[in-house]
Amino acid sequence: MNEELIRRIVAEVVAEVLGGSGNAVASAEGGKAPAPAGVVPRKLRLVELGPASKGTNVREVVIGLSPGFGVGFDKTIVGVPHSEVLRQLMAGIEEEGLSARIVKVYHTCDVAFIGKIAANMSGSGIGVGILSRGTCVIHHKDLPPLGNLELFPQSPLLDAETYRAIGRNAAKYAKGENPVPVPTKNDPMARPRYQGLAALLHNKEMRFVDKGKAPVELRVEIE
């Protein structure tokens, strides 16, 4: 565990004790955590449209967001803005000629179940689940919750380009294709470096879980 990670964790713990909000990276950087190189931070607004329902459009992919996505947090564990994550996922889906529908899942922050719920609500049967810290999954309505088409568990290794590729692959599955899995980086040290911070972010995300609230459809506004 390096000095930078220790500083981030300590800053987050202090923020928790003082009742602070925002994500861990922003807290550690005094609210000024920079976006990755080449990424332009954009303002994200998620507007609730009402209870989400199962779609009938076979050319849609539903993206399921975790409870704190875009609300309690505004960037992933490595600083990719949530606005950019959604922009890239949606762009990847649209590049394949399909449309994206966005749903917020409130009763769990387990990415497997969020992805499964998104798939069940999708007219194509394909859904993408994503957590605030960046962990992501492509799911199918006929697979068990802990099964999936593609899983991206190492959120520190996911960048904007990868999210776009995830969107493209999700759309290809929706079209009945069998795409080559999205290539991801492999860093055996990512887990030990970020494990403590990931645990803190998970605990913070749990604050937004509402087990009595059904999934809600969202309109995404990115400026």
C-alpha atoms as a PDB file:
ATOM      1  CA  MET A   1       0.000   0.000   0.000  1.00  0.00           C
ATOM      2  CA  ASN A   2       1.664   3.229  -1.135  1.00  0.00           C
ATOM      3  CA  GLU A   3       1.638   6.648   0.494  1.00  0.00           C
ATOM      4  CA  GLU A   4      -0.891   8.076  -1.979  1.00  0.00           C
ATOM      5  CA  LEU A   5      -3.445   5.362  -1.264  1.00  0.00           C
ATOM      6  CA  ILE A   6      -2.974   5.736   2.492  1.00  0.00           C
ATOM      7  CA  ARG A   7      -3.572   9.483   2.129  1.00  0.00           C
ATOM      8  CA  ARG A   8      -6.775   8.862   0.177  1.00  0.00           C
ATOM      9  CA  ILE A   9      -8.095   6.340   2.678  1.00  0.00           C
ATOM     10  CA  VAL A  10      -7.296   8.579   5.655  1.00  0.00           C
ATOM     11  CA  ALA A  11      -9.005  11.525   3.934  1.00  0.00           C
ATOM     12  CA  GLU A  12     -12.085   9.398   3.285  1.00  0.00           C
ATOM     13  CA  VAL A  13     -12.243   8.137   6.864  1.00  0.00           C
ATOM     14  CA  VAL A  14     -11.983  11.707   8.139  1.00  0.00           C
ATOM     15  CA  ALA A  15     -14.769  12.745   5.764  1.00  0.00           C
ATOM     16  CA  GLU A  16     -16.924   9.886   7.054  1.00  0.00           C
ATOM     17  CA  VAL A  17     -16.343  10.893  10.661  1.00  0.00           C
ATOM     18  CA  LEU A  18     -17.167  14.524   9.886  1.00  0.00           C
ATOM     19  CA  GLY A  19     -20.233  13.519   7.896  1.00  0.00           C
ATOM     20  CA  GLY A  20     -18.790  14.703   4.608  1.00  0.00           C
ATOM     21  CA  SER A  21     -20.155  13.724   1.208  1.00  0.00           C
ATOM     22  CA  GLY A  22     -18.797  13.245  -2.280  1.00  0.00           C
ATOM     23  CA  ASN A  23     -16.525  10.541  -3.518  1.00  0.00           C
ATOM     24  CA  ALA A  24     -13.294   9.420  -1.932  1.00  0.00           C
ATOM     25  CA  VAL A  25     -10.993  10.759  -4.600  1.00  0.00           C
ATOM     26  CA  ALA A  26     -12.571  14.199  -4.483  1.00  0.00           C
ATOM     27  CA  SER A  27     -12.401  14.251  -0.682  1.00  0.00           C
ATOM     28  CA  ALA A  28      -8.747  13.287  -0.724  1.00  0.00           C
ATOM     29  CA  GLU A  29      -7.941  16.001  -3.246  1.00  0.00           C
ATOM     30  CA  GLY A  30      -9.929  18.712  -1.536  1.00  0.00           C
ATOM     31  CA  GLY A  31     -12.672  18.410  -4.150  1.00  0.00           C
ATOM     32  CA  LYS A  32     -10.231  18.909  -7.021  1.00  0.00           C
ATOM     33  CA  ALA A  33      -9.466  15.388  -8.209  1.00  0.00           C
ATOM     34  CA  PRO A  34      -8.620  15.794 -11.907  1.00  0.00           C
ATOM     35  CA  ALA A  35     -10.245  13.754 -14.637  1.00  0.00           C
ATOM     36  CA  PRO A  36      -7.925  11.413 -16.562  1.00  0.00           C
ATOM     37  CA  ALA A  37      -5.932  12.967 -19.399  1.00  0.00           C
ATOM     38  CA  GLY A  38      -8.042  13.602 -22.484  1.00  0.00           C
ATOM     39  CA  VAL A  39     -11.359  13.480 -20.617  1.00  0.00           C
ATOM     40  CA  VAL A  40     -13.411  16.682 -20.497  1.00  0.00           C
ATOM     41  CA  PRO A  41     -15.502  16.851 -17.282  1.00  0.00           C
ATOM     42  CA  ARG A  42     -19.174  17.448 -18.095  1.00  0.00           C
ATOM     43  CA  LYS A  43     -22.121  18.218 -15.868  1.00  0.00           C
ATOM     44  CA  LEU A  44     -24.418  15.226 -15.369  1.00  0.00           C
ATOM     45  CA  ARG A  45     -28.074  15.477 -14.437  1.00  0.00           C
ATOM     46  CA  LEU A  46     -30.236  12.402 -13.874  1.00  0.00           C
ATOM     47  CA  VAL A  47     -33.974  13.136 -14.011  1.00  0.00           C
ATOM     48  CA  GLU A  48     -36.369  10.532 -12.599  1.00  0.00           C
ATOM     49  CA  LEU A  49     -39.238   9.797 -15.006  1.00  0.00           C
ATOM     50  CA  GLY A  50     -41.155   7.297 -12.884  1.00  0.00           C
ATOM     51  CA  PRO A  51     -41.179   3.553 -12.256  1.00  0.00           C
ATOM     52  CA  ALA A  52     -39.171   1.553 -14.778  1.00  0.00           C
ATOM     53  CA  SER A  53     -40.954  -1.134 -16.774  1.00  0.00           C
ATOM     54  CA  LYS A  54     -40.009  -3.922 -19.140  1.00  0.00           C
ATOM     55  CA  GLY A  55     -39.305  -2.592 -22.598  1.00  0.00           C
ATOM     56  CA  THR A  56     -40.693  -3.902 -25.885  1.00  0.00           C
ATOM     57  CA  ASN A  57     -38.057  -2.442 -28.197  1.00  0.00           C
ATOM     58  CA  VAL A  58     -35.807  -5.300 -29.318  1.00  0.00           C
ATOM     59  CA  ARG A  59     -33.204  -2.762 -30.400  1.00  0.00           C
ATOM     60  CA  GLU A  60     -32.542  -1.289 -26.973  1.00  0.00           C
ATOM     61  CA  VAL A  61     -29.967  -1.974 -24.284  1.00  0.00           C
ATOM     62  CA  VAL A  62     -30.845  -0.999 -20.725  1.00  0.00           C
ATOM     63  CA  ILE A  63     -28.083   0.474 -18.566  1.00  0.00           C
ATOM     64  CA  GLY A  64     -28.694  -0.116 -14.868  1.00  0.00           C
ATOM     65  CA  LEU A  65     -27.060   2.342 -12.464  1.00  0.00           C
ATOM     66  CA  SER A  66     -26.237   1.660  -8.826  1.00  0.00           C
ATOM     67  CA  PRO A  67     -27.981   3.681  -6.066  1.00  0.00           C
ATOM     68  CA  GLY A  68     -25.272   6.308  -5.614  1.00  0.00           C
ATOM     69  CA  PHE A  69     -24.288   6.711  -9.268  1.00  0.00           C
ATOM     70  CA  GLY A  70     -24.308  10.374 -10.238  1.00  0.00           C
ATOM     71  CA  VAL A  71     -25.752  11.400  -6.876  1.00  0.00           C
ATOM     72  CA  GLY A  72     -23.522  10.497  -3.959  1.00  0.00           C
ATOM     73  CA  PHE A  73     -20.579  10.125  -6.330  1.00  0.00           C
ATOM     74  CA  ASP A  74     -19.573  11.880  -9.521  1.00  0.00           C
ATOM     75  CA  LYS A  75     -16.602   9.828 -10.709  1.00  0.00           C
ATOM     76  CA  THR A  76     -15.175   6.324 -10.644  1.00  0.00           C
ATOM     77  CA  ILE A  77     -12.442   5.062  -8.353  1.00  0.00           C
ATOM     78  CA  VAL A  78      -9.792   6.358 -10.779  1.00  0.00           C
ATOM     79  CA  GLY A  79     -11.488   9.674 -11.504  1.00  0.00           C
ATOM     80  CA  VAL A  80     -13.427   8.991 -14.724  1.00  0.00           C
ATOM     81  CA  PRO A  81     -16.460  11.329 -14.456  1.00  0.00           C
ATOM     82  CA  HIS A  82     -19.796   9.547 -14.344  1.00  0.00           C
ATOM     83  CA  SER A  83     -20.939  11.833 -17.157  1.00  0.00           C
ATOM     84  CA  GLU A  84     -18.138  10.425 -19.304  1.00  0.00           C
ATOM     85  CA  VAL A  85     -18.896   6.819 -18.314  1.00  0.00           C
ATOM     86  CA  LEU A  86     -22.517   7.183 -19.420  1.00  0.00           C
ATOM     87  CA  ARG A  87     -21.612   9.194 -22.511  1.00  0.00           C
ATOM     88  CA  GLN A  88     -19.241   6.481 -23.687  1.00  0.00           C
ATOM     89  CA  LEU A  89     -21.547   3.557 -22.883  1.00  0.00           C
ATOM     90  CA  MET A  90     -24.422   5.220 -24.735  1.00  0.00           C
ATOM     91  CA  ALA A  91     -22.201   6.198 -27.662  1.00  0.00           C
ATOM     92  CA  GLY A  92     -20.956   2.622 -28.015  1.00  0.00           C
ATOM     93  CA  ILE A  93     -24.532   1.315 -28.099  1.00  0.00           C
ATOM     94  CA  GLU A  94     -25.599   3.954 -30.622  1.00  0.00           C
ATOM     95  CA  GLU A  95     -22.607   3.192 -32.873  1.00  0.00           C
ATOM     96  CA  GLU A  96     -24.139  -0.233 -33.399  1.00  0.00           C
ATOM     97  CA  GLY A  97     -27.466   1.277 -34.408  1.00  0.00           C
ATOM     98  CA  LEU A  98     -29.286   0.582 -31.118  1.00  0.00           C
ATOM     99  CA  SER A  99     -30.661   2.847 -28.396  1.00  0.00           C
ATOM    100  CA  ALA A 100     -29.854   3.028 -24.695  1.00  0.00           C
ATOM    101  CA  ARG A 101     -32.392   3.293 -21.875  1.00  0.00           C
ATOM    102  CA  ILE A 102     -31.229   4.235 -18.381  1.00  0.00           C
ATOM    103  CA  VAL A 103     -32.617   2.774 -15.144  1.00  0.00           C
ATOM    104  CA  LYS A 104     -31.568   3.458 -11.543  1.00  0.00           C
ATOM    105  CA  VAL A 105     -31.657   0.384  -9.295  1.00  0.00           C
ATOM    106  CA  TYR A 106     -32.111   1.350  -5.660  1.00  0.00           C
ATOM    107  CA  HIS A 107     -32.543  -1.882  -3.707  1.00  0.00           C
ATOM    108  CA  THR A 108     -29.054  -3.333  -4.250  1.00  0.00           C
ATOM    109  CA  CYS A 109     -25.491  -2.259  -5.019  1.00  0.00           C
ATOM    110  CA  ASP A 110     -24.422  -5.687  -6.282  1.00  0.00           C
ATOM    111  CA  VAL A 111     -23.320  -5.202  -9.898  1.00  0.00           C
ATOM    112  CA  ALA A 112     -24.404  -8.727 -10.907  1.00  0.00           C
ATOM    113  CA  PHE A 113     -27.990  -8.154  -9.761  1.00  0.00           C
ATOM    114  CA  ILE A 114     -28.090  -4.641 -11.223  1.00  0.00           C
ATOM    115  CA  GLY A 115     -26.996  -6.026 -14.590  1.00  0.00           C
ATOM    116  CA  LYS A 116     -29.542  -8.848 -14.368  1.00  0.00           C
ATOM    117  CA  ILE A 117     -32.362  -6.406 -13.529  1.00  0.00           C
ATOM    118  CA  ALA A 118     -31.340  -4.196 -16.465  1.00  0.00           C
ATOM    119  CA  ALA A 119     -31.374  -7.227 -18.780  1.00  0.00           C
ATOM    120  CA  ASN A 120     -34.800  -8.306 -17.539  1.00  0.00           C
ATOM    121  CA  MET A 121     -36.172  -4.835 -18.308  1.00  0.00           C
ATOM    122  CA  SER A 122     -34.555  -4.622 -21.730  1.00  0.00           C
ATOM    123  CA  GLY A 123     -36.595  -5.324 -24.832  1.00  0.00           C
ATOM    124  CA  SER A 124     -33.550  -7.054 -26.305  1.00  0.00           C
ATOM    125  CA  GLY A 125     -32.831  -9.006 -23.134  1.00  0.00           C
ATOM    126  CA  ILE A 126     -29.402  -7.382 -22.817  1.00  0.00           C
ATOM    127  CA  GLY A 127     -28.456  -5.066 -19.976  1.00  0.00           C
ATOM    128  CA  VAL A 128     -25.377  -3.337 -18.603  1.00  0.00           C
ATOM    129  CA  GLY A 129     -24.901  -2.909 -14.860  1.00  0.00           C
ATOM    130  CA  ILE A 130     -22.486  -0.401 -13.396  1.00  0.00           C
ATOM    131  CA  LEU A 131     -21.437   0.665  -9.904  1.00  0.00           C
ATOM    132  CA  SER A 132     -20.390   4.141  -8.840  1.00  0.00           C
ATOM    133  CA  ARG A 133     -16.764   3.086  -8.507  1.00  0.00           C
ATOM    134  CA  GLY A 134     -16.776   1.822 -12.111  1.00  0.00           C
ATOM    135  CA  THR A 135     -17.225  -1.970 -11.864  1.00  0.00           C
ATOM    136  CA  CYS A 136     -19.306  -3.111 -14.836  1.00  0.00           C
ATOM    137  CA  VAL A 137     -21.082  -6.157 -16.315  1.00  0.00           C
ATOM    138  CA  ILE A 138     -22.915  -7.095 -19.518  1.00  0.00           C
ATOM    139  CA  HIS A 139     -25.840  -9.379 -18.667  1.00  0.00           C
ATOM    140  CA  HIS A 140     -28.537 -11.451 -20.393  1.00  0.00           C
ATOM    141  CA  LYS A 141     -32.077 -11.988 -19.155  1.00  0.00           C
ATOM    142  CA  ASP A 142     -31.796 -15.791 -19.441  1.00  0.00           C
ATOM    143  CA  LEU A 143     -28.612 -16.068 -17.382  1.00  0.00           C
ATOM    144  CA  PRO A 144     -28.588 -16.494 -13.581  1.00  0.00           C
ATOM    145  CA  PRO A 145     -27.707 -13.354 -11.589  1.00  0.00           C
ATOM    146  CA  LEU A 146     -24.157 -14.515 -10.946  1.00  0.00           C
ATOM    147  CA  GLY A 147     -23.720 -15.572 -14.562  1.00  0.00           C
ATOM    148  CA  ASN A 148     -23.001 -12.964 -17.233  1.00  0.00           C
ATOM    149  CA  LEU A 149     -21.831 -12.335 -20.761  1.00  0.00           C
ATOM    150  CA  GLU A 150     -18.862 -10.191 -19.755  1.00  0.00           C
ATOM    151  CA  LEU A 151     -17.659  -9.012 -16.342  1.00  0.00           C
ATOM    152  CA  PHE A 152     -15.296  -6.118 -15.644  1.00  0.00           C
ATOM    153  CA  PRO A 153     -14.503  -6.417 -11.924  1.00  0.00           C
ATOM    154  CA  GLN A 154     -11.312  -4.354 -11.754  1.00  0.00           C
ATOM    155  CA  SER A 155     -12.713  -0.834 -11.814  1.00  0.00           C
ATOM    156  CA  PRO A 156      -9.271   0.839 -11.487  1.00  0.00           C
ATOM    157  CA  LEU A 157      -8.390  -0.523 -14.950  1.00  0.00           C
ATOM    158  CA  LEU A 158     -11.497   0.754 -16.772  1.00  0.00           C
ATOM    159  CA  ASP A 159     -11.135   3.950 -18.796  1.00  0.00           C
ATOM    160  CA  ALA A 160     -13.411   5.903 -21.130  1.00  0.00           C
ATOM    161  CA  GLU A 161     -12.352   3.884 -24.180  1.00  0.00           C
ATOM    162  CA  THR A 162     -13.179   0.627 -22.402  1.00  0.00           C
ATOM    163  CA  TYR A 163     -16.669   1.846 -21.468  1.00  0.00           C
ATOM    164  CA  ARG A 164     -17.326   2.703 -25.111  1.00  0.00           C
ATOM    165  CA  ALA A 165     -16.221  -0.792 -26.139  1.00  0.00           C
ATOM    166  CA  ILE A 166     -18.514  -2.279 -23.462  1.00  0.00           C
ATOM    167  CA  GLY A 167     -21.423  -0.348 -24.960  1.00  0.00           C
ATOM    168  CA  ARG A 168     -20.581  -1.620 -28.444  1.00  0.00           C
ATOM    169  CA  ASN A 169     -20.383  -5.237 -27.296  1.00  0.00           C
ATOM    170  CA  ALA A 170     -23.644  -4.978 -25.363  1.00  0.00           C
ATOM    171  CA  ALA A 171     -25.344  -3.754 -28.544  1.00  0.00           C
ATOM    172  CA  LYS A 172     -23.794  -6.571 -30.572  1.00  0.00           C
ATOM    173  CA  TYR A 173     -25.166  -9.145 -28.138  1.00  0.00           C
ATOM    174  CA  ALA A 174     -28.557  -7.462 -28.459  1.00  0.00           C
ATOM    175  CA  LYS A 175     -28.352  -7.931 -32.247  1.00  0.00           C
ATOM    176  CA  GLY A 176     -27.680 -11.640 -31.782  1.00  0.00           C
ATOM    177  CA  GLU A 177     -23.986 -11.417 -32.572  1.00  0.00           C
ATOM    178  CA  ASN A 178     -21.175 -13.140 -30.686  1.00  0.00           C
ATOM    179  CA  PRO A 179     -18.518 -10.423 -30.303  1.00  0.00           C
ATOM    180  CA  VAL A 180     -14.961 -10.870 -29.146  1.00  0.00           C
ATOM    181  CA  PRO A 181     -14.903  -9.968 -25.414  1.00  0.00           C
ATOM    182  CA  VAL A 182     -13.742  -6.458 -24.645  1.00  0.00           C
ATOM    183  CA  PRO A 183      -9.995  -6.535 -23.944  1.00  0.00           C
ATOM    184  CA  THR A 184      -9.003  -5.065 -20.589  1.00  0.00           C
ATOM    185  CA  LYS A 185      -5.719  -4.284 -18.950  1.00  0.00           C
ATOM    186  CA  ASN A 186      -4.224  -6.757 -16.513  1.00  0.00           C
ATOM    187  CA  ASP A 187      -2.557  -5.382 -13.426  1.00  0.00           C
ATOM    188  CA  PRO A 188      -2.100  -7.897 -10.572  1.00  0.00           C
ATOM    189  CA  MET A 189      -1.287  -5.013  -8.242  1.00  0.00           C
ATOM    190  CA  ALA A 190      -4.562  -3.157  -8.873  1.00  0.00           C
ATOM    191  CA  ARG A 191      -6.430  -5.161  -6.248  1.00  0.00           C
ATOM    192  CA  PRO A 192      -3.983  -4.649  -3.364  1.00  0.00           C
ATOM    193  CA  ARG A 193      -3.495  -0.981  -4.312  1.00  0.00           C
ATOM    194  CA  TYR A 194      -7.200  -0.120  -4.386  1.00  0.00           C
ATOM    195  CA  GLN A 195      -8.782  -2.720  -2.100  1.00  0.00           C
ATOM    196  CA  GLY A 196      -9.067  -0.421   0.909  1.00  0.00           C
ATOM    197  CA  LEU A 197     -10.451   2.465  -1.111  1.00  0.00           C
ATOM    198  CA  ALA A 198     -12.918   0.170  -2.898  1.00  0.00           C
ATOM    199  CA  ALA A 199     -14.223  -1.036   0.468  1.00  0.00           C
ATOM    200  CA  LEU A 200     -14.765   2.532   1.627  1.00  0.00           C
ATOM    201  CA  LEU A 201     -16.561   3.423  -1.595  1.00  0.00           C
ATOM    202  CA  HIS A 202     -18.766   0.356  -1.224  1.00  0.00           C
ATOM    203  CA  ASN A 203     -19.701   1.364   2.308  1.00  0.00           C
ATOM    204  CA  LYS A 204     -20.558   4.864   1.094  1.00  0.00           C
ATOM    205  CA  GLU A 205     -22.649   3.478  -1.767  1.00  0.00           C
ATOM    206  CA  MET A 206     -24.622   1.366   0.694  1.00  0.00           C
ATOM    207  CA  ARG A 207     -25.967   4.588   2.208  1.00  0.00           C
ATOM    208  CA  PHE A 208     -28.031   5.141  -0.931  1.00  0.00           C
ATOM    209  CA  VAL A 209     -29.599   1.683  -0.990  1.00  0.00           C
ATOM    210  CA  ASP A 210     -33.373   1.739  -0.506  1.00  0.00           C
ATOM    211  CA  LYS A 211     -34.675  -1.818  -0.366  1.00  0.00           C
ATOM    212  CA  GLY A 212     -38.266  -0.620  -0.577  1.00  0.00           C
ATOM    213  CA  LYS A 213     -37.822   1.443  -3.751  1.00  0.00           C
ATOM    214  CA  ALA A 214     -38.417  -0.119  -7.167  1.00  0.00           C
ATOM    215  CA  PRO A 215     -36.176   0.678 -10.171  1.00  0.00           C
ATOM    216  CA  VAL A 216     -36.783   4.081 -11.724  1.00  0.00           C
ATOM    217  CA  GLU A 217     -36.374   5.161 -15.333  1.00  0.00           C
ATOM    218  CA  LEU A 218     -34.076   8.139 -15.882  1.00  0.00           C
ATOM    219  CA  ARG A 219     -33.487  10.819 -18.446  1.00  0.00           C
ATOM    220  CA  VAL A 220     -29.795  11.622 -18.803  1.00  0.00           C
ATOM    221  CA  GLU A 221     -28.713  15.200 -19.379  1.00  0.00           C
ATOM    222  CA  ILE A 222     -25.018  15.803 -20.047  1.00  0.00           C
ATOM    223  CA  GLU A 223     -23.736  19.336 -20.589  1.00  0.00           C
END
